[in-house]
Amino acid sequence: MKYEEIPLVNNEAIHNFELIVEGHRAFIDYKKKDDKIYLIHTEVPVELEGKGVASAIVEKAFNYIEENNLKLVPLCVYVASYLKRHPEWSRILAIAPGH
């Protein structure tokens, strides 16, 4: 299934990026401080597992981060593993002080 047509929702009230697929809500929990955005936890409902929803929502979140000139701090294990598979996205990473 392709997810390009499904918009990423930035639900600022609860600090979630959301993707509604087949009536189910996948989300990434985040915190924003200044120009940094901390991706804390990615969750995909059981009904959507194995359909590429997690990678789709992470990619959409990365695009949002880049388009809004934010810097990524990946605290979520899934987000960190996605970055390893897609090193081109390291361009949006916040650089730790002293590096």
C-alpha atoms as a PDB file:
ATOM      1  CA  MET A   1       0.000   0.000   0.000  1.00  0.00           C
ATOM      2  CA  LYS A   2       1.191   3.530  -0.777  1.00  0.00           C
ATOM      3  CA  TYR A   3       0.813   6.263   1.813  1.00  0.00           C
ATOM      4  CA  GLU A   4       1.798   9.363  -0.185  1.00  0.00           C
ATOM      5  CA  GLU A   5      -1.845  10.423  -0.412  1.00  0.00           C
ATOM      6  CA  ILE A   6      -2.442  10.257   3.345  1.00  0.00           C
ATOM      7  CA  PRO A   7      -1.535  13.527   5.070  1.00  0.00           C
ATOM      8  CA  LEU A   8       0.574  13.628   8.204  1.00  0.00           C
ATOM      9  CA  VAL A   9      -1.360  15.346  10.983  1.00  0.00           C
ATOM     10  CA  ASN A  10       0.602  17.365  13.521  1.00  0.00           C
ATOM     11  CA  ASN A  11      -1.634  17.111  16.578  1.00  0.00           C
ATOM     12  CA  GLU A  12       0.144  19.773  18.632  1.00  0.00           C
ATOM     13  CA  ALA A  13      -2.329  19.532  21.523  1.00  0.00           C
ATOM     14  CA  ILE A  14      -1.081  16.030  22.398  1.00  0.00           C
ATOM     15  CA  HIS A  15       2.381  16.261  20.775  1.00  0.00           C
ATOM     16  CA  ASN A  16       1.724  13.559  18.183  1.00  0.00           C
ATOM     17  CA  PHE A  17       2.377  13.187  14.490  1.00  0.00           C
ATOM     18  CA  GLU A  18      -0.547  11.066  13.290  1.00  0.00           C
ATOM     19  CA  LEU A  19      -1.284   8.991  10.234  1.00  0.00           C
ATOM     20  CA  ILE A  20      -4.788   7.554   9.857  1.00  0.00           C
ATOM     21  CA  VAL A  21      -4.696   4.379   7.741  1.00  0.00           C
ATOM     22  CA  GLU A  22      -7.753   2.205   7.111  1.00  0.00           C
ATOM     23  CA  GLY A  23      -9.462   3.888  10.082  1.00  0.00           C
ATOM     24  CA  HIS A  24      -6.572   3.150  12.458  1.00  0.00           C
ATOM     25  CA  ARG A  25      -4.299   5.757  14.066  1.00  0.00           C
ATOM     26  CA  ALA A  26      -0.533   5.353  13.954  1.00  0.00           C
ATOM     27  CA  PHE A  27       1.468   8.022  15.742  1.00  0.00           C
ATOM     28  CA  ILE A  28       4.840   9.335  16.831  1.00  0.00           C
ATOM     29  CA  ASP A  29       4.975  10.968  20.242  1.00  0.00           C
ATOM     30  CA  TYR A  30       7.253  14.015  20.249  1.00  0.00           C
ATOM     31  CA  LYS A  31       8.419  16.947  22.316  1.00  0.00           C
ATOM     32  CA  LYS A  32       9.547  20.247  20.783  1.00  0.00           C
ATOM     33  CA  LYS A  33      11.985  22.640  22.422  1.00  0.00           C
ATOM     34  CA  ASP A  34      13.263  25.676  20.523  1.00  0.00           C
ATOM     35  CA  ASP A  35      14.355  24.393  17.094  1.00  0.00           C
ATOM     36  CA  LYS A  36      14.736  20.765  18.220  1.00  0.00           C
ATOM     37  CA  ILE A  37      12.128  18.055  17.971  1.00  0.00           C
ATOM     38  CA  TYR A  38      12.518  14.918  20.046  1.00  0.00           C
ATOM     39  CA  LEU A  39      10.848  11.846  18.533  1.00  0.00           C
ATOM     40  CA  ILE A  40      10.099   9.743  21.600  1.00  0.00           C
ATOM     41  CA  HIS A  41       7.924   6.799  20.589  1.00  0.00           C
ATOM     42  CA  THR A  42       6.414   5.362  17.404  1.00  0.00           C
ATOM     43  CA  GLU A  43       3.276   3.286  17.663  1.00  0.00           C
ATOM     44  CA  VAL A  44       1.414   1.387  14.949  1.00  0.00           C
ATOM     45  CA  PRO A  45      -1.805  -0.522  15.735  1.00  0.00           C
ATOM     46  CA  VAL A  46      -1.686  -4.313  15.410  1.00  0.00           C
ATOM     47  CA  GLU A  47      -4.110  -4.084  12.483  1.00  0.00           C
ATOM     48  CA  LEU A  48      -1.513  -2.144  10.458  1.00  0.00           C
ATOM     49  CA  GLU A  49       1.646  -4.040  11.409  1.00  0.00           C
ATOM     50  CA  GLY A  50       3.768  -5.301   8.527  1.00  0.00           C
ATOM     51  CA  LYS A  51       2.237  -2.861   6.026  1.00  0.00           C
ATOM     52  CA  GLY A  52       5.006  -0.253   6.000  1.00  0.00           C
ATOM     53  CA  VAL A  53       3.047   2.247   8.090  1.00  0.00           C
ATOM     54  CA  ALA A  54       5.843   2.869  10.616  1.00  0.00           C
ATOM     55  CA  SER A  55       8.389   3.737   7.928  1.00  0.00           C
ATOM     56  CA  ALA A  56       5.790   5.902   6.133  1.00  0.00           C
ATOM     57  CA  ILE A  57       5.001   7.957   9.239  1.00  0.00           C
ATOM     58  CA  VAL A  58       8.706   8.352  10.105  1.00  0.00           C
ATOM     59  CA  GLU A  59       9.502   9.549   6.583  1.00  0.00           C
ATOM     60  CA  LYS A  60       6.585  12.000   6.664  1.00  0.00           C
ATOM     61  CA  ALA A  61       7.738  13.268  10.077  1.00  0.00           C
ATOM     62  CA  PHE A  62      11.290  13.729   8.732  1.00  0.00           C
ATOM     63  CA  ASN A  63       9.926  15.729   5.806  1.00  0.00           C
ATOM     64  CA  TYR A  64       7.912  17.888   8.215  1.00  0.00           C
ATOM     65  CA  ILE A  65      11.002  18.457  10.371  1.00  0.00           C
ATOM     66  CA  GLU A  66      13.086  19.468   7.362  1.00  0.00           C
ATOM     67  CA  GLU A  67      10.393  21.713   5.862  1.00  0.00           C
ATOM     68  CA  ASN A  68      10.032  23.533   9.196  1.00  0.00           C
ATOM     69  CA  ASN A  69      13.798  24.000   9.713  1.00  0.00           C
ATOM     70  CA  LEU A  70      13.793  21.889  12.864  1.00  0.00           C
ATOM     71  CA  LYS A  71      16.533  19.561  14.093  1.00  0.00           C
ATOM     72  CA  LEU A  72      15.862  15.933  14.988  1.00  0.00           C
ATOM     73  CA  VAL A  73      16.771  14.266  18.266  1.00  0.00           C
ATOM     74  CA  PRO A  74      15.898  10.559  17.791  1.00  0.00           C
ATOM     75  CA  LEU A  75      14.949   9.035  21.150  1.00  0.00           C
ATOM     76  CA  CYS A  76      12.707   6.334  19.646  1.00  0.00           C
ATOM     77  CA  VAL A  77      14.399   2.995  18.887  1.00  0.00           C
ATOM     78  CA  TYR A  78      12.445   2.627  15.628  1.00  0.00           C
ATOM     79  CA  VAL A  79      13.373   6.137  14.467  1.00  0.00           C
ATOM     80  CA  ALA A  80      17.049   5.434  15.253  1.00  0.00           C
ATOM     81  CA  SER A  81      16.967   2.180  13.263  1.00  0.00           C
ATOM     82  CA  TYR A  82      15.233   3.972  10.356  1.00  0.00           C
ATOM     83  CA  LEU A  83      18.070   6.531  10.355  1.00  0.00           C
ATOM     84  CA  LYS A  84      20.630   3.709  10.106  1.00  0.00           C
ATOM     85  CA  ARG A  85      18.819   2.350   7.041  1.00  0.00           C
ATOM     86  CA  HIS A  86      18.414   5.835   5.525  1.00  0.00           C
ATOM     87  CA  PRO A  87      21.625   7.751   6.358  1.00  0.00           C
ATOM     88  CA  GLU A  88      20.672  10.537   3.934  1.00  0.00           C
ATOM     89  CA  TRP A  89      18.347  11.825   6.674  1.00  0.00           C
ATOM     90  CA  SER A  90      21.305  12.501   8.985  1.00  0.00           C
ATOM     91  CA  ARG A  91      21.170  16.013   7.490  1.00  0.00           C
ATOM     92  CA  ILE A  92      18.303  16.876   9.861  1.00  0.00           C
ATOM     93  CA  LEU A  93      19.977  15.566  13.026  1.00  0.00           C
ATOM     94  CA  ALA A  94      20.720  17.946  15.876  1.00  0.00           C
ATOM     95  CA  ILE A  95      24.429  17.859  16.550  1.00  0.00           C
ATOM     96  CA  ALA A  96      25.267  17.227  20.177  1.00  0.00           C
ATOM     97  CA  PRO A  97      27.349  19.950  21.858  1.00  0.00           C
ATOM     98  CA  GLY A  98      31.058  19.368  21.441  1.00  0.00           C
ATOM     99  CA  HIS A  99      30.737  17.363  18.210  1.00  0.00           C
END
